Amino acid sequence: MAELLESTRIRRISGFGMTCVADGYVYAPTTVAQVREVFDIARRPQRKVVLRGTGLSYGAAAILPAAFV
């Protein structure tokens, strides 16, 4: 059975001008250990991780449905 992911982390993510949107699991790690943990959590259900820095992106470069953001 697949492991359940935290539904409280689901957020609507949009690109520039809100032309592209997707729901993803949003994390804001502040330490190297937390970054590793996010990658470990994402690896189990084989989800991709999208890095957004300040949370802004031009176009849809950092939009990926059901990814870890």
PDB file of N, CA and C in Angstrom:
ATOM      1  N   MET A   1       0.843  -1.182   0.000  1.00  0.00           N
ATOM      2  CA  MET A   1       0.000   0.000   0.000  1.00  0.00           C
ATOM      3  C   MET A   1       0.888   1.246   0.000  1.00  0.00           C
ATOM      4  N   ALA A   2       0.503   2.230  -0.755  1.00  0.00           N
ATOM      5  CA  ALA A   2       1.283   3.467  -0.854  1.00  0.00           C
ATOM      6  C   ALA A   2       1.185   4.269   0.443  1.00  0.00           C
ATOM      7  N   GLU A   3       2.299   4.913   0.777  1.00  0.00           N
ATOM      8  CA  GLU A   3       2.343   5.748   1.971  1.00  0.00           C
ATOM      9  C   GLU A   3       1.567   7.046   1.705  1.00  0.00           C
ATOM     10  N   LEU A   4       0.770   7.466   2.665  1.00  0.00           N
ATOM     11  CA  LEU A   4       0.016   8.713   2.516  1.00  0.00           C
ATOM     12  C   LEU A   4       0.926   9.913   2.757  1.00  0.00           C
ATOM     13  N   LEU A   5       0.781  10.925   1.920  1.00  0.00           N
ATOM     14  CA  LEU A   5       1.545  12.156   2.066  1.00  0.00           C
ATOM     15  C   LEU A   5       0.703  13.166   2.836  1.00  0.00           C
ATOM     16  N   GLU A   6       1.375  14.142   3.430  1.00  0.00           N
ATOM     17  CA  GLU A   6       0.676  15.137   4.251  1.00  0.00           C
ATOM     18  C   GLU A   6      -0.196  16.050   3.389  1.00  0.00           C
ATOM     19  N   SER A   7      -1.502  15.905   3.503  1.00  0.00           N
ATOM     20  CA  SER A   7      -2.414  16.727   2.701  1.00  0.00           C
ATOM     21  C   SER A   7      -2.381  18.195   3.127  1.00  0.00           C
ATOM     22  N   THR A   8      -1.917  18.475   4.333  1.00  0.00           N
ATOM     23  CA  THR A   8      -1.843  19.873   4.794  1.00  0.00           C
ATOM     24  C   THR A   8      -0.756  20.647   4.055  1.00  0.00           C
ATOM     25  N   ARG A   9       0.126  19.966   3.347  1.00  0.00           N
ATOM     26  CA  ARG A   9       1.200  20.635   2.602  1.00  0.00           C
ATOM     27  C   ARG A   9       0.823  20.962   1.163  1.00  0.00           C
ATOM     28  N   ILE A  10      -0.345  20.531   0.714  1.00  0.00           N
ATOM     29  CA  ILE A  10      -0.751  20.781  -0.668  1.00  0.00           C
ATOM     30  C   ILE A  10      -1.114  22.251  -0.844  1.00  0.00           C
ATOM     31  N   ARG A  11      -0.473  22.865  -1.842  1.00  0.00           N
ATOM     32  CA  ARG A  11      -0.718  24.276  -2.164  1.00  0.00           C
ATOM     33  C   ARG A  11      -0.828  24.418  -3.681  1.00  0.00           C
ATOM     34  N   ARG A  12      -1.574  25.407  -4.115  1.00  0.00           N
ATOM     35  CA  ARG A  12      -1.654  25.734  -5.544  1.00  0.00           C
ATOM     36  C   ARG A  12      -0.437  26.580  -5.894  1.00  0.00           C
ATOM     37  N   ILE A  13       0.348  26.127  -6.858  1.00  0.00           N
ATOM     38  CA  ILE A  13       1.555  26.810  -7.301  1.00  0.00           C
ATOM     39  C   ILE A  13       1.276  27.378  -8.678  1.00  0.00           C
ATOM     40  N   SER A  14       1.719  28.608  -8.922  1.00  0.00           N
ATOM     41  CA  SER A  14       1.496  29.205 -10.242  1.00  0.00           C
ATOM     42  C   SER A  14       2.782  29.812 -10.779  1.00  0.00           C
ATOM     43  N   GLY A  15       2.847  29.901 -12.096  1.00  0.00           N
ATOM     44  CA  GLY A  15       3.969  30.540 -12.767  1.00  0.00           C
ATOM     45  C   GLY A  15       3.669  32.013 -13.002  1.00  0.00           C
ATOM     46  N   PHE A  16       4.505  32.641 -13.763  1.00  0.00           N
ATOM     47  CA  PHE A  16       4.367  34.064 -14.075  1.00  0.00           C
ATOM     48  C   PHE A  16       3.015  34.326 -14.736  1.00  0.00           C
ATOM     49  N   GLY A  17       2.295  35.311 -14.251  1.00  0.00           N
ATOM     50  CA  GLY A  17       0.998  35.658 -14.822  1.00  0.00           C
ATOM     51  C   GLY A  17      -0.089  34.645 -14.536  1.00  0.00           C
ATOM     52  N   MET A  18       0.215  33.678 -13.695  1.00  0.00           N
ATOM     53  CA  MET A  18      -0.731  32.632 -13.320  1.00  0.00           C
ATOM     54  C   MET A  18      -1.280  31.877 -14.526  1.00  0.00           C
ATOM     55  N   THR A  19      -0.482  31.780 -15.612  1.00  0.00           N
ATOM     56  CA  THR A  19      -0.939  31.064 -16.799  1.00  0.00           C
ATOM     57  C   THR A  19      -0.837  29.557 -16.624  1.00  0.00           C
ATOM     58  N   CYS A  20       0.082  29.099 -15.787  1.00  0.00           N
ATOM     59  CA  CYS A  20       0.231  27.671 -15.491  1.00  0.00           C
ATOM     60  C   CYS A  20       0.080  27.481 -13.990  1.00  0.00           C
ATOM     61  N   VAL A  21      -0.744  26.539 -13.601  1.00  0.00           N
ATOM     62  CA  VAL A  21      -0.922  26.251 -12.173  1.00  0.00           C
ATOM     63  C   VAL A  21      -0.894  24.741 -11.958  1.00  0.00           C
ATOM     64  N   ALA A  22      -0.508  24.349 -10.759  1.00  0.00           N
ATOM     65  CA  ALA A  22      -0.501  22.937 -10.373  1.00  0.00           C
ATOM     66  C   ALA A  22      -0.539  22.865  -8.852  1.00  0.00           C
ATOM     67  N   ASP A  23      -1.057  21.786  -8.341  1.00  0.00           N
ATOM     68  CA  ASP A  23      -1.032  21.549  -6.905  1.00  0.00           C
ATOM     69  C   ASP A  23       0.208  20.722  -6.573  1.00  0.00           C
ATOM     70  N   GLY A  24       0.930  21.129  -5.526  1.00  0.00           N
ATOM     71  CA  GLY A  24       2.126  20.407  -5.119  1.00  0.00           C
ATOM     72  C   GLY A  24       2.251  20.379  -3.611  1.00  0.00           C
ATOM     73  N   TYR A  25       3.171  19.587  -3.128  1.00  0.00           N
ATOM     74  CA  TYR A  25       3.454  19.486  -1.699  1.00  0.00           C
ATOM     75  C   TYR A  25       4.545  20.497  -1.370  1.00  0.00           C
ATOM     76  N   VAL A  26       4.207  21.560  -0.637  1.00  0.00           N
ATOM     77  CA  VAL A  26       5.142  22.657  -0.402  1.00  0.00           C
ATOM     78  C   VAL A  26       5.895  22.457   0.915  1.00  0.00           C
ATOM     79  N   TYR A  27       7.207  22.535   0.822  1.00  0.00           N
ATOM     80  CA  TYR A  27       8.106  22.456   1.970  1.00  0.00           C
ATOM     81  C   TYR A  27       9.016  23.667   1.921  1.00  0.00           C
ATOM     82  N   ALA A  28       9.459  24.150   3.065  1.00  0.00           N
ATOM     83  CA  ALA A  28      10.386  25.284   3.147  1.00  0.00           C
ATOM     84  C   ALA A  28      11.520  24.940   4.103  1.00  0.00           C
ATOM     85  N   PRO A  29      12.400  24.023   3.693  1.00  0.00           N
ATOM     86  CA  PRO A  29      13.487  23.623   4.583  1.00  0.00           C
ATOM     87  C   PRO A  29      14.479  24.759   4.798  1.00  0.00           C
ATOM     88  N   THR A  30      15.054  24.816   5.989  1.00  0.00           N
ATOM     89  CA  THR A  30      16.025  25.872   6.311  1.00  0.00           C
ATOM     90  C   THR A  30      17.396  25.317   6.668  1.00  0.00           C
ATOM     91  N   THR A  31      17.516  23.995   6.705  1.00  0.00           N
ATOM     92  CA  THR A  31      18.809  23.378   7.018  1.00  0.00           C
ATOM     93  C   THR A  31      19.092  22.284   5.990  1.00  0.00           C
ATOM     94  N   VAL A  32      20.339  21.892   5.908  1.00  0.00           N
ATOM     95  CA  VAL A  32      20.733  20.809   5.002  1.00  0.00           C
ATOM     96  C   VAL A  32      20.009  19.518   5.386  1.00  0.00           C
ATOM     97  N   ALA A  33      19.890  19.256   6.666  1.00  0.00           N
ATOM     98  CA  ALA A  33      19.197  18.045   7.126  1.00  0.00           C
ATOM     99  C   ALA A  33      17.742  18.044   6.668  1.00  0.00           C
ATOM    100  N   GLN A  34      17.081  19.197   6.723  1.00  0.00           N
ATOM    101  CA  GLN A  34      15.685  19.280   6.284  1.00  0.00           C
ATOM    102  C   GLN A  34      15.572  19.089   4.771  1.00  0.00           C
ATOM    103  N   VAL A  35      16.534  19.600   4.019  1.00  0.00           N
ATOM    104  CA  VAL A  35      16.531  19.397   2.566  1.00  0.00           C
ATOM    105  C   VAL A  35      16.661  17.906   2.261  1.00  0.00           C
ATOM    106  N   ARG A  36      17.558  17.240   2.944  1.00  0.00           N
ATOM    107  CA  ARG A  36      17.720  15.785   2.758  1.00  0.00           C
ATOM    108  C   ARG A  36      16.427  15.038   3.089  1.00  0.00           C
ATOM    109  N   GLU A  37      15.771  15.464   4.160  1.00  0.00           N
ATOM    110  CA  GLU A  37      14.518  14.820   4.565  1.00  0.00           C
ATOM    111  C   GLU A  37      13.452  14.961   3.483  1.00  0.00           C
ATOM    112  N   VAL A  38      13.344  16.143   2.885  1.00  0.00           N
ATOM    113  CA  VAL A  38      12.365  16.355   1.816  1.00  0.00           C
ATOM    114  C   VAL A  38      12.661  15.416   0.644  1.00  0.00           C
ATOM    115  N   PHE A  39      13.933  15.310   0.251  1.00  0.00           N
ATOM    116  CA  PHE A  39      14.281  14.410  -0.849  1.00  0.00           C
ATOM    117  C   PHE A  39      13.969  12.959  -0.480  1.00  0.00           C
ATOM    118  N   ASP A  40      14.214  12.573   0.756  1.00  0.00           N
ATOM    119  CA  ASP A  40      13.900  11.208   1.201  1.00  0.00           C
ATOM    120  C   ASP A  40      12.400  10.949   1.161  1.00  0.00           C
ATOM    121  N   ILE A  41      11.612  11.906   1.628  1.00  0.00           N
ATOM    122  CA  ILE A  41      10.145  11.762   1.620  1.00  0.00           C
ATOM    123  C   ILE A  41       9.639  11.661   0.186  1.00  0.00           C
ATOM    124  N   ALA A  42      10.185  12.482  -0.705  1.00  0.00           N
ATOM    125  CA  ALA A  42       9.752  12.484  -2.107  1.00  0.00           C
ATOM    126  C   ALA A  42      10.157  11.202  -2.828  1.00  0.00           C
ATOM    127  N   ARG A  43      11.264  10.617  -2.430  1.00  0.00           N
ATOM    128  CA  ARG A  43      11.785   9.422  -3.098  1.00  0.00           C
ATOM    129  C   ARG A  43      10.865   8.220  -2.911  1.00  0.00           C
ATOM    130  N   ARG A  44      10.265   8.092  -1.735  1.00  0.00           N
ATOM    131  CA  ARG A  44       9.447   6.897  -1.449  1.00  0.00           C
ATOM    132  C   ARG A  44       8.275   6.738  -2.419  1.00  0.00           C
ATOM    133  N   PRO A  45       7.487   7.798  -2.675  1.00  0.00           N
ATOM    134  CA  PRO A  45       6.417   7.623  -3.670  1.00  0.00           C
ATOM    135  C   PRO A  45       6.884   7.967  -5.090  1.00  0.00           C
ATOM    136  N   GLN A  46       8.193   8.122  -5.283  1.00  0.00           N
ATOM    137  CA  GLN A  46       8.801   8.454  -6.571  1.00  0.00           C
ATOM    138  C   GLN A  46       8.253   9.747  -7.160  1.00  0.00           C
ATOM    139  N   ARG A  47       8.198  10.779  -6.327  1.00  0.00           N
ATOM    140  CA  ARG A  47       7.776  12.111  -6.772  1.00  0.00           C
ATOM    141  C   ARG A  47       9.004  12.942  -7.109  1.00  0.00           C
ATOM    142  N   LYS A  48       8.825  13.916  -7.955  1.00  0.00           N
ATOM    143  CA  LYS A  48       9.911  14.827  -8.311  1.00  0.00           C
ATOM    144  C   LYS A  48       9.950  15.993  -7.336  1.00  0.00           C
ATOM    145  N   VAL A  49      11.128  16.607  -7.212  1.00  0.00           N
ATOM    146  CA  VAL A  49      11.304  17.779  -6.358  1.00  0.00           C
ATOM    147  C   VAL A  49      11.579  18.972  -7.257  1.00  0.00           C
ATOM    148  N   VAL A  50      10.829  20.062  -7.043  1.00  0.00           N
ATOM    149  CA  VAL A  50      10.992  21.296  -7.806  1.00  0.00           C
ATOM    150  C   VAL A  50      11.546  22.356  -6.869  1.00  0.00           C
ATOM    151  N   LEU A  51      12.649  22.980  -7.256  1.00  0.00           N
ATOM    152  CA  LEU A  51      13.258  24.031  -6.439  1.00  0.00           C
ATOM    153  C   LEU A  51      12.799  25.395  -6.945  1.00  0.00           C
ATOM    154  N   ARG A  52      12.298  26.235  -6.029  1.00  0.00           N
ATOM    155  CA  ARG A  52      11.772  27.524  -6.442  1.00  0.00           C
ATOM    156  C   ARG A  52      12.455  28.712  -5.779  1.00  0.00           C
ATOM    157  N   GLY A  53      13.359  28.524  -4.887  1.00  0.00           N
ATOM    158  CA  GLY A  53      14.048  29.667  -4.272  1.00  0.00           C
ATOM    159  C   GLY A  53      13.109  30.562  -3.498  1.00  0.00           C
ATOM    160  N   THR A  54      12.783  31.723  -4.057  1.00  0.00           N
ATOM    161  CA  THR A  54      11.910  32.674  -3.371  1.00  0.00           C
ATOM    162  C   THR A  54      10.438  32.367  -3.598  1.00  0.00           C
ATOM    163  N   GLY A  55      10.156  31.304  -4.345  1.00  0.00           N
ATOM    164  CA  GLY A  55       8.761  30.948  -4.594  1.00  0.00           C
ATOM    165  C   GLY A  55       8.211  31.545  -5.865  1.00  0.00           C
ATOM    166  N   LEU A  56       9.037  32.258  -6.618  1.00  0.00           N
ATOM    167  CA  LEU A  56       8.601  32.884  -7.862  1.00  0.00           C
ATOM    168  C   LEU A  56       9.341  32.249  -9.027  1.00  0.00           C
ATOM    169  N   SER A  57       8.691  32.182 -10.156  1.00  0.00           N
ATOM    170  CA  SER A  57       9.324  31.620 -11.328  1.00  0.00           C
ATOM    171  C   SER A  57       8.766  32.288 -12.567  1.00  0.00           C
ATOM    172  N   TYR A  58       9.618  32.580 -13.532  1.00  0.00           N
ATOM    173  CA  TYR A  58       9.164  33.120 -14.797  1.00  0.00           C
ATOM    174  C   TYR A  58       8.629  31.970 -15.641  1.00  0.00           C
ATOM    175  N   GLY A  59       7.445  32.139 -16.163  1.00  0.00           N
ATOM    176  CA  GLY A  59       6.840  31.084 -16.963  1.00  0.00           C
ATOM    177  C   GLY A  59       6.473  29.885 -16.118  1.00  0.00           C
ATOM    178  N   ALA A  60       6.589  28.711 -16.700  1.00  0.00           N
ATOM    179  CA  ALA A  60       6.210  27.492 -15.998  1.00  0.00           C
ATOM    180  C   ALA A  60       7.423  26.625 -15.678  1.00  0.00           C
ATOM    181  N   ALA A  61       8.584  27.244 -15.546  1.00  0.00           N
ATOM    182  CA  ALA A  61       9.817  26.493 -15.353  1.00  0.00           C
ATOM    183  C   ALA A  61       9.800  25.659 -14.077  1.00  0.00           C
ATOM    184  N   ALA A  62       9.086  26.084 -13.059  1.00  0.00           N
ATOM    185  CA  ALA A  62       9.073  25.358 -11.787  1.00  0.00           C
ATOM    186  C   ALA A  62       7.660  24.917 -11.419  1.00  0.00           C
ATOM    187  N   ILE A  63       6.895  24.478 -12.412  1.00  0.00           N
ATOM    188  CA  ILE A  63       5.543  23.991 -12.178  1.00  0.00           C
ATOM    189  C   ILE A  63       5.510  22.522 -12.569  1.00  0.00           C
ATOM    190  N   LEU A  64       5.109  21.677 -11.641  1.00  0.00           N
ATOM    191  CA  LEU A  64       5.038  20.245 -11.911  1.00  0.00           C
ATOM    192  C   LEU A  64       3.970  19.660 -11.007  1.00  0.00           C
ATOM    193  N   PRO A  65       2.878  19.143 -11.564  1.00  0.00           N
ATOM    194  CA  PRO A  65       1.793  18.611 -10.743  1.00  0.00           C
ATOM    195  C   PRO A  65       2.259  17.506  -9.796  1.00  0.00           C
ATOM    196  N   ALA A  66       1.771  17.558  -8.575  1.00  0.00           N
ATOM    197  CA  ALA A  66       2.012  16.559  -7.525  1.00  0.00           C
ATOM    198  C   ALA A  66       3.481  16.427  -7.130  1.00  0.00           C
ATOM    199  N   ALA A  67       4.284  17.434  -7.439  1.00  0.00           N
ATOM    200  CA  ALA A  67       5.696  17.409  -7.077  1.00  0.00           C
ATOM    201  C   ALA A  67       5.890  17.984  -5.666  1.00  0.00           C
ATOM    202  N   PHE A  68       7.080  17.815  -5.158  1.00  0.00           N
ATOM    203  CA  PHE A  68       7.474  18.442  -3.906  1.00  0.00           C
ATOM    204  C   PHE A  68       8.127  19.768  -4.277  1.00  0.00           C
ATOM    205  N   VAL A  69       7.623  20.858  -3.725  1.00  0.00           N
ATOM    206  CA  VAL A  69       8.107  22.189  -4.093  1.00  0.00           C
ATOM    207  C   VAL A  69       8.824  22.792  -2.908  1.00  0.00           C
TER     208      VAL A  69
END
